[in-house]
Amino acid sequence: MIFKAFYQEDKTRSPRRETTKVLYLDLDVTDTREGVILARELLAANTDYHVEFIDSLSDEAVEYEKENGGLEITSF
């Protein structure tokens, strides 16, 4: 499943919509809940980001992101 994570690069500042960034993770999980937990663990272990929100993407959303959003999978 592919997950989209919204984050702030700086944990010391309050989150601002204007500085929110996105990354995509391709995780080998069976359900969304398991994927969100694993994504949070990976991001906590490998980055200093303030993670705001993580959600799985449907096949249609993945296609849309590929066409319009420049989907690039992040790996750790």
PDB file of N, CA and C in Angstrom:
ATOM      1  N   MET A   1       0.844  -1.182   0.000  1.00  0.00           N
ATOM      2  CA  MET A   1       0.000   0.000   0.000  1.00  0.00           C
ATOM      3  C   MET A   1       0.887   1.241   0.000  1.00  0.00           C
ATOM      4  N   ILE A   2       0.389   2.271  -0.656  1.00  0.00           N
ATOM      5  CA  ILE A   2       1.106   3.543  -0.676  1.00  0.00           C
ATOM      6  C   ILE A   2       0.442   4.495   0.310  1.00  0.00           C
ATOM      7  N   PHE A   3       1.283   5.141   1.103  1.00  0.00           N
ATOM      8  CA  PHE A   3       0.821   6.078   2.124  1.00  0.00           C
ATOM      9  C   PHE A   3       1.372   7.465   1.838  1.00  0.00           C
ATOM     10  N   LYS A   4       0.553   8.457   2.127  1.00  0.00           N
ATOM     11  CA  LYS A   4       0.929   9.856   1.952  1.00  0.00           C
ATOM     12  C   LYS A   4       1.053  10.468   3.340  1.00  0.00           C
ATOM     13  N   ALA A   5       2.224  11.022   3.632  1.00  0.00           N
ATOM     14  CA  ALA A   5       2.480  11.621   4.942  1.00  0.00           C
ATOM     15  C   ALA A   5       2.672  13.124   4.787  1.00  0.00           C
ATOM     16  N   PHE A   6       1.922  13.881   5.563  1.00  0.00           N
ATOM     17  CA  PHE A   6       2.062  15.334   5.606  1.00  0.00           C
ATOM     18  C   PHE A   6       2.927  15.667   6.814  1.00  0.00           C
ATOM     19  N   TYR A   7       3.919  16.533   6.621  1.00  0.00           N
ATOM     20  CA  TYR A   7       4.840  16.809   7.720  1.00  0.00           C
ATOM     21  C   TYR A   7       5.400  18.225   7.649  1.00  0.00           C
ATOM     22  N   GLN A   8       5.972  18.643   8.780  1.00  0.00           N
ATOM     23  CA  GLN A   8       6.730  19.882   8.887  1.00  0.00           C
ATOM     24  C   GLN A   8       8.185  19.475   9.107  1.00  0.00           C
ATOM     25  N   GLU A   9       9.111  20.176   8.478  1.00  0.00           N
ATOM     26  CA  GLU A   9      10.519  19.827   8.645  1.00  0.00           C
ATOM     27  C   GLU A   9      11.065  20.217  10.011  1.00  0.00           C
ATOM     28  N   ASP A  10      10.442  21.192  10.658  1.00  0.00           N
ATOM     29  CA  ASP A  10      10.955  21.718  11.921  1.00  0.00           C
ATOM     30  C   ASP A  10       9.978  21.421  13.061  1.00  0.00           C
ATOM     31  N   LYS A  11      10.399  20.623  14.030  1.00  0.00           N
ATOM     32  CA  LYS A  11       9.536  20.277  15.165  1.00  0.00           C
ATOM     33  C   LYS A  11       9.377  21.422  16.154  1.00  0.00           C
ATOM     34  N   THR A  12      10.277  22.395  16.118  1.00  0.00           N
ATOM     35  CA  THR A  12      10.262  23.453  17.130  1.00  0.00           C
ATOM     36  C   THR A  12       9.257  24.551  16.838  1.00  0.00           C
ATOM     37  N   ARG A  13       8.750  24.624  15.620  1.00  0.00           N
ATOM     38  CA  ARG A  13       7.783  25.658  15.258  1.00  0.00           C
ATOM     39  C   ARG A  13       6.387  25.066  15.161  1.00  0.00           C
ATOM     40  N   SER A  14       5.408  25.895  15.372  1.00  0.00           N
ATOM     41  CA  SER A  14       4.020  25.461  15.210  1.00  0.00           C
ATOM     42  C   SER A  14       3.758  25.138  13.745  1.00  0.00           C
ATOM     43  N   PRO A  15       2.987  24.094  13.477  1.00  0.00           N
ATOM     44  CA  PRO A  15       2.678  23.743  12.091  1.00  0.00           C
ATOM     45  C   PRO A  15       1.952  24.878  11.373  1.00  0.00           C
ATOM     46  N   ARG A  16       2.352  25.102  10.122  1.00  0.00           N
ATOM     47  CA  ARG A  16       1.693  26.093   9.272  1.00  0.00           C
ATOM     48  C   ARG A  16       1.371  25.420   7.946  1.00  0.00           C
ATOM     49  N   ARG A  17       0.189  25.654   7.467  1.00  0.00           N
ATOM     50  CA  ARG A  17      -0.233  25.039   6.213  1.00  0.00           C
ATOM     51  C   ARG A  17       0.734  25.366   5.081  1.00  0.00           C
ATOM     52  N   GLU A  18       1.238  26.581   5.076  1.00  0.00           N
ATOM     53  CA  GLU A  18       2.115  27.033   4.000  1.00  0.00           C
ATOM     54  C   GLU A  18       3.441  26.280   3.956  1.00  0.00           C
ATOM     55  N   THR A  19       3.846  25.692   5.057  1.00  0.00           N
ATOM     56  CA  THR A  19       5.133  24.986   5.089  1.00  0.00           C
ATOM     57  C   THR A  19       4.975  23.469   5.184  1.00  0.00           C
ATOM     58  N   THR A  20       3.752  22.980   5.049  1.00  0.00           N
ATOM     59  CA  THR A  20       3.518  21.537   5.085  1.00  0.00           C
ATOM     60  C   THR A  20       4.080  20.900   3.820  1.00  0.00           C
ATOM     61  N   LYS A  21       4.795  19.810   3.997  1.00  0.00           N
ATOM     62  CA  LYS A  21       5.362  19.062   2.875  1.00  0.00           C
ATOM     63  C   LYS A  21       4.772  17.660   2.882  1.00  0.00           C
ATOM     64  N   VAL A  22       5.004  16.939   1.791  1.00  0.00           N
ATOM     65  CA  VAL A  22       4.420  15.610   1.619  1.00  0.00           C
ATOM     66  C   VAL A  22       5.504  14.636   1.183  1.00  0.00           C
ATOM     67  N   LEU A  23       5.399  13.416   1.680  1.00  0.00           N
ATOM     68  CA  LEU A  23       6.214  12.333   1.142  1.00  0.00           C
ATOM     69  C   LEU A  23       5.350  11.085   1.044  1.00  0.00           C
ATOM     70  N   TYR A  24       5.792  10.162   0.200  1.00  0.00           N
ATOM     71  CA  TYR A  24       5.032   8.942  -0.061  1.00  0.00           C
ATOM     72  C   TYR A  24       5.868   7.737   0.347  1.00  0.00           C
ATOM     73  N   LEU A  25       5.221   6.770   0.965  1.00  0.00           N
ATOM     74  CA  LEU A  25       5.875   5.538   1.387  1.00  0.00           C
ATOM     75  C   LEU A  25       5.120   4.345   0.813  1.00  0.00           C
ATOM     76  N   ASP A  26       5.849   3.382   0.274  1.00  0.00           N
ATOM     77  CA  ASP A  26       5.256   2.137  -0.208  1.00  0.00           C
ATOM     78  C   ASP A  26       5.580   1.064   0.825  1.00  0.00           C
ATOM     79  N   LEU A  27       4.564   0.647   1.577  1.00  0.00           N
ATOM     80  CA  LEU A  27       4.768  -0.278   2.687  1.00  0.00           C
ATOM     81  C   LEU A  27       4.052  -1.599   2.437  1.00  0.00           C
ATOM     82  N   ASP A  28       4.684  -2.674   2.850  1.00  0.00           N
ATOM     83  CA  ASP A  28       4.120  -4.013   2.698  1.00  0.00           C
ATOM     84  C   ASP A  28       3.297  -4.344   3.944  1.00  0.00           C
ATOM     85  N   VAL A  29       2.048  -3.885   3.946  1.00  0.00           N
ATOM     86  CA  VAL A  29       1.144  -4.090   5.081  1.00  0.00           C
ATOM     87  C   VAL A  29      -0.201  -4.593   4.567  1.00  0.00           C
ATOM     88  N   THR A  30      -1.012  -5.113   5.490  1.00  0.00           N
ATOM     89  CA  THR A  30      -2.302  -5.673   5.088  1.00  0.00           C
ATOM     90  C   THR A  30      -3.473  -4.719   5.277  1.00  0.00           C
ATOM     91  N   ASP A  31      -3.321  -3.726   6.156  1.00  0.00           N
ATOM     92  CA  ASP A  31      -4.415  -2.771   6.332  1.00  0.00           C
ATOM     93  C   ASP A  31      -3.876  -1.370   6.633  1.00  0.00           C
ATOM     94  N   THR A  32      -4.758  -0.396   6.536  1.00  0.00           N
ATOM     95  CA  THR A  32      -4.380   1.004   6.696  1.00  0.00           C
ATOM     96  C   THR A  32      -3.842   1.290   8.088  1.00  0.00           C
ATOM     97  N   ARG A  33      -4.482   0.769   9.103  1.00  0.00           N
ATOM     98  CA  ARG A  33      -4.050   1.040  10.482  1.00  0.00           C
ATOM     99  C   ARG A  33      -2.617   0.578  10.711  1.00  0.00           C
ATOM    100  N   GLU A  34      -2.310  -0.616  10.261  1.00  0.00           N
ATOM    101  CA  GLU A  34      -0.958  -1.158  10.394  1.00  0.00           C
ATOM    102  C   GLU A  34       0.047  -0.291   9.626  1.00  0.00           C
ATOM    103  N   GLY A  35      -0.353   0.182   8.454  1.00  0.00           N
ATOM    104  CA  GLY A  35       0.519   1.022   7.641  1.00  0.00           C
ATOM    105  C   GLY A  35       0.800   2.373   8.265  1.00  0.00           C
ATOM    106  N   VAL A  36      -0.216   2.981   8.860  1.00  0.00           N
ATOM    107  CA  VAL A  36      -0.035   4.282   9.512  1.00  0.00           C
ATOM    108  C   VAL A  36       0.927   4.138  10.690  1.00  0.00           C
ATOM    109  N   ILE A  37       0.773   3.073  11.455  1.00  0.00           N
ATOM    110  CA  ILE A  37       1.667   2.835  12.596  1.00  0.00           C
ATOM    111  C   ILE A  37       3.101   2.634  12.111  1.00  0.00           C
ATOM    112  N   LEU A  38       3.286   1.794  11.093  1.00  0.00           N
ATOM    113  CA  LEU A  38       4.625   1.540  10.557  1.00  0.00           C
ATOM    114  C   LEU A  38       5.227   2.807   9.962  1.00  0.00           C
ATOM    115  N   ALA A  39       4.431   3.585   9.242  1.00  0.00           N
ATOM    116  CA  ALA A  39       4.924   4.831   8.652  1.00  0.00           C
ATOM    117  C   ALA A  39       5.394   5.793   9.735  1.00  0.00           C
ATOM    118  N   ARG A  40       4.619   5.942  10.802  1.00  0.00           N
ATOM    119  CA  ARG A  40       5.029   6.818  11.921  1.00  0.00           C
ATOM    120  C   ARG A  40       6.331   6.335  12.547  1.00  0.00           C
ATOM    121  N   GLU A  41       6.467   5.020  12.723  1.00  0.00           N
ATOM    122  CA  GLU A  41       7.695   4.469  13.298  1.00  0.00           C
ATOM    123  C   GLU A  41       8.891   4.734  12.392  1.00  0.00           C
ATOM    124  N   LEU A  42       8.727   4.527  11.082  1.00  0.00           N
ATOM    125  CA  LEU A  42       9.813   4.785  10.133  1.00  0.00           C
ATOM    126  C   LEU A  42      10.219   6.255  10.126  1.00  0.00           C
ATOM    127  N   LEU A  43       9.236   7.135  10.098  1.00  0.00           N
ATOM    128  CA  LEU A  43       9.535   8.565  10.068  1.00  0.00           C
ATOM    129  C   LEU A  43      10.189   9.022  11.368  1.00  0.00           C
ATOM    130  N   ALA A  44       9.749   8.502  12.490  1.00  0.00           N
ATOM    131  CA  ALA A  44      10.348   8.871  13.782  1.00  0.00           C
ATOM    132  C   ALA A  44      11.793   8.391  13.872  1.00  0.00           C
ATOM    133  N   ALA A  45      12.066   7.211  13.346  1.00  0.00           N
ATOM    134  CA  ALA A  45      13.409   6.640  13.431  1.00  0.00           C
ATOM    135  C   ALA A  45      14.390   7.258  12.440  1.00  0.00           C
ATOM    136  N   ASN A  46      13.881   7.778  11.316  1.00  0.00           N
ATOM    137  CA  ASN A  46      14.771   8.217  10.242  1.00  0.00           C
ATOM    138  C   ASN A  46      14.760   9.710   9.947  1.00  0.00           C
ATOM    139  N   THR A  47      13.874  10.466  10.583  1.00  0.00           N
ATOM    140  CA  THR A  47      13.798  11.906  10.317  1.00  0.00           C
ATOM    141  C   THR A  47      13.565  12.670  11.613  1.00  0.00           C
ATOM    142  N   ASP A  48      13.689  13.976  11.520  1.00  0.00           N
ATOM    143  CA  ASP A  48      13.338  14.861  12.636  1.00  0.00           C
ATOM    144  C   ASP A  48      12.041  15.601  12.333  1.00  0.00           C
ATOM    145  N   TYR A  49      11.224  15.067  11.437  1.00  0.00           N
ATOM    146  CA  TYR A  49      10.004  15.735  11.004  1.00  0.00           C
ATOM    147  C   TYR A  49       8.919  15.702  12.075  1.00  0.00           C
ATOM    148  N   HIS A  50       8.079  16.722  12.039  1.00  0.00           N
ATOM    149  CA  HIS A  50       6.848  16.746  12.827  1.00  0.00           C
ATOM    150  C   HIS A  50       5.751  16.225  11.896  1.00  0.00           C
ATOM    151  N   VAL A  51       5.326  14.986  12.092  1.00  0.00           N
ATOM    152  CA  VAL A  51       4.334  14.363  11.212  1.00  0.00           C
ATOM    153  C   VAL A  51       2.950  14.835  11.624  1.00  0.00           C
ATOM    154  N   GLU A  52       2.218  15.383  10.657  1.00  0.00           N
ATOM    155  CA  GLU A  52       0.879  15.893  10.925  1.00  0.00           C
ATOM    156  C   GLU A  52      -0.197  14.842  10.679  1.00  0.00           C
ATOM    157  N   PHE A  53      -0.087  14.134   9.542  1.00  0.00           N
ATOM    158  CA  PHE A  53      -1.159  13.224   9.139  1.00  0.00           C
ATOM    159  C   PHE A  53      -0.600  12.203   8.164  1.00  0.00           C
ATOM    160  N   ILE A  54      -1.076  10.964   8.263  1.00  0.00           N
ATOM    161  CA  ILE A  54      -0.696   9.897   7.337  1.00  0.00           C
ATOM    162  C   ILE A  54      -1.964   9.169   6.933  1.00  0.00           C
ATOM    163  N   ASP A  55      -2.090   8.881   5.625  1.00  0.00           N
ATOM    164  CA  ASP A  55      -3.251   8.136   5.153  1.00  0.00           C
ATOM    165  C   ASP A  55      -2.849   7.284   3.959  1.00  0.00           C
ATOM    166  N   SER A  56      -3.573   6.190   3.759  1.00  0.00           N
ATOM    167  CA  SER A  56      -3.326   5.347   2.593  1.00  0.00           C
ATOM    168  C   SER A  56      -3.997   5.971   1.375  1.00  0.00           C
ATOM    169  N   LEU A  57      -3.443   5.672   0.212  1.00  0.00           N
ATOM    170  CA  LEU A  57      -4.006   6.186  -1.031  1.00  0.00           C
ATOM    171  C   LEU A  57      -4.690   5.062  -1.801  1.00  0.00           C
ATOM    172  N   SER A  58      -5.843   5.366  -2.362  1.00  0.00           N
ATOM    173  CA  SER A  58      -6.528   4.409  -3.233  1.00  0.00           C
ATOM    174  C   SER A  58      -5.765   4.334  -4.556  1.00  0.00           C
ATOM    175  N   ASP A  59      -6.073   3.336  -5.368  1.00  0.00           N
ATOM    176  CA  ASP A  59      -5.424   3.212  -6.674  1.00  0.00           C
ATOM    177  C   ASP A  59      -5.672   4.448  -7.529  1.00  0.00           C
ATOM    178  N   GLU A  60      -6.887   4.992  -7.447  1.00  0.00           N
ATOM    179  CA  GLU A  60      -7.222   6.191  -8.213  1.00  0.00           C
ATOM    180  C   GLU A  60      -6.410   7.392  -7.731  1.00  0.00           C
ATOM    181  N   ALA A  61      -6.241   7.506  -6.428  1.00  0.00           N
ATOM    182  CA  ALA A  61      -5.459   8.613  -5.867  1.00  0.00           C
ATOM    183  C   ALA A  61      -3.990   8.491  -6.262  1.00  0.00           C
ATOM    184  N   VAL A  62      -3.474   7.274  -6.302  1.00  0.00           N
ATOM    185  CA  VAL A  62      -2.088   7.064  -6.724  1.00  0.00           C
ATOM    186  C   VAL A  62      -1.914   7.510  -8.172  1.00  0.00           C
ATOM    187  N   GLU A  63      -2.844   7.128  -9.033  1.00  0.00           N
ATOM    188  CA  GLU A  63      -2.767   7.540 -10.435  1.00  0.00           C
ATOM    189  C   GLU A  63      -2.827   9.056 -10.565  1.00  0.00           C
ATOM    190  N   TYR A  64      -3.706   9.695  -9.815  1.00  0.00           N
ATOM    191  CA  TYR A  64      -3.814  11.155  -9.837  1.00  0.00           C
ATOM    192  C   TYR A  64      -2.502  11.796  -9.386  1.00  0.00           C
ATOM    193  N   GLU A  65      -1.939  11.308  -8.296  1.00  0.00           N
ATOM    194  CA  GLU A  65      -0.681  11.868  -7.788  1.00  0.00           C
ATOM    195  C   GLU A  65       0.447  11.682  -8.797  1.00  0.00           C
ATOM    196  N   LYS A  66       0.476  10.533  -9.481  1.00  0.00           N
ATOM    197  CA  LYS A  66       1.504  10.298 -10.499  1.00  0.00           C
ATOM    198  C   LYS A  66       1.382  11.306 -11.632  1.00  0.00           C
ATOM    199  N   GLU A  67       0.153  11.585 -12.051  1.00  0.00           N
ATOM    200  CA  GLU A  67      -0.076  12.494 -13.167  1.00  0.00           C
ATOM    201  C   GLU A  67       0.107  13.957 -12.787  1.00  0.00           C
ATOM    202  N   ASN A  68      -0.294  14.336 -11.579  1.00  0.00           N
ATOM    203  CA  ASN A  68      -0.343  15.750 -11.223  1.00  0.00           C
ATOM    204  C   ASN A  68       0.571  16.175 -10.077  1.00  0.00           C
ATOM    205  N   GLY A  69       0.900  15.279  -9.203  1.00  0.00           N
ATOM    206  CA  GLY A  69       1.616  15.675  -8.003  1.00  0.00           C
ATOM    207  C   GLY A  69       3.080  15.295  -7.967  1.00  0.00           C
ATOM    208  N   GLY A  70       3.551  14.602  -8.968  1.00  0.00           N
ATOM    209  CA  GLY A  70       4.938  14.186  -8.952  1.00  0.00           C
ATOM    210  C   GLY A  70       5.243  13.172  -7.868  1.00  0.00           C
ATOM    211  N   LEU A  71       4.471  12.109  -7.814  1.00  0.00           N
ATOM    212  CA  LEU A  71       4.632  11.081  -6.791  1.00  0.00           C
ATOM    213  C   LEU A  71       6.021  10.456  -6.869  1.00  0.00           C
ATOM    214  N   GLU A  72       6.779  10.572  -5.787  1.00  0.00           N
ATOM    215  CA  GLU A  72       8.079   9.923  -5.659  1.00  0.00           C
ATOM    216  C   GLU A  72       8.084   9.165  -4.338  1.00  0.00           C
ATOM    217  N   ILE A  73       8.330   7.877  -4.410  1.00  0.00           N
ATOM    218  CA  ILE A  73       8.330   7.041  -3.215  1.00  0.00           C
ATOM    219  C   ILE A  73       9.621   7.279  -2.430  1.00  0.00           C
ATOM    220  N   THR A  74       9.478   7.530  -1.139  1.00  0.00           N
ATOM    221  CA  THR A  74      10.626   7.697  -0.250  1.00  0.00           C
ATOM    222  C   THR A  74      10.937   6.353   0.388  1.00  0.00           C
ATOM    223  N   SER A  75      12.214   6.008   0.443  1.00  0.00           N
ATOM    224  CA  SER A  75      12.596   4.767   1.117  1.00  0.00           C
ATOM    225  C   SER A  75      13.679   5.065   2.147  1.00  0.00           C
ATOM    226  N   PHE A  76      13.675   4.285   3.202  1.00  0.00           N
ATOM    227  CA  PHE A  76      14.655   4.447   4.276  1.00  0.00           C
ATOM    228  C   PHE A  76      15.503   3.198   4.375  1.00  0.00           C
TER     229      PHE A  76
END
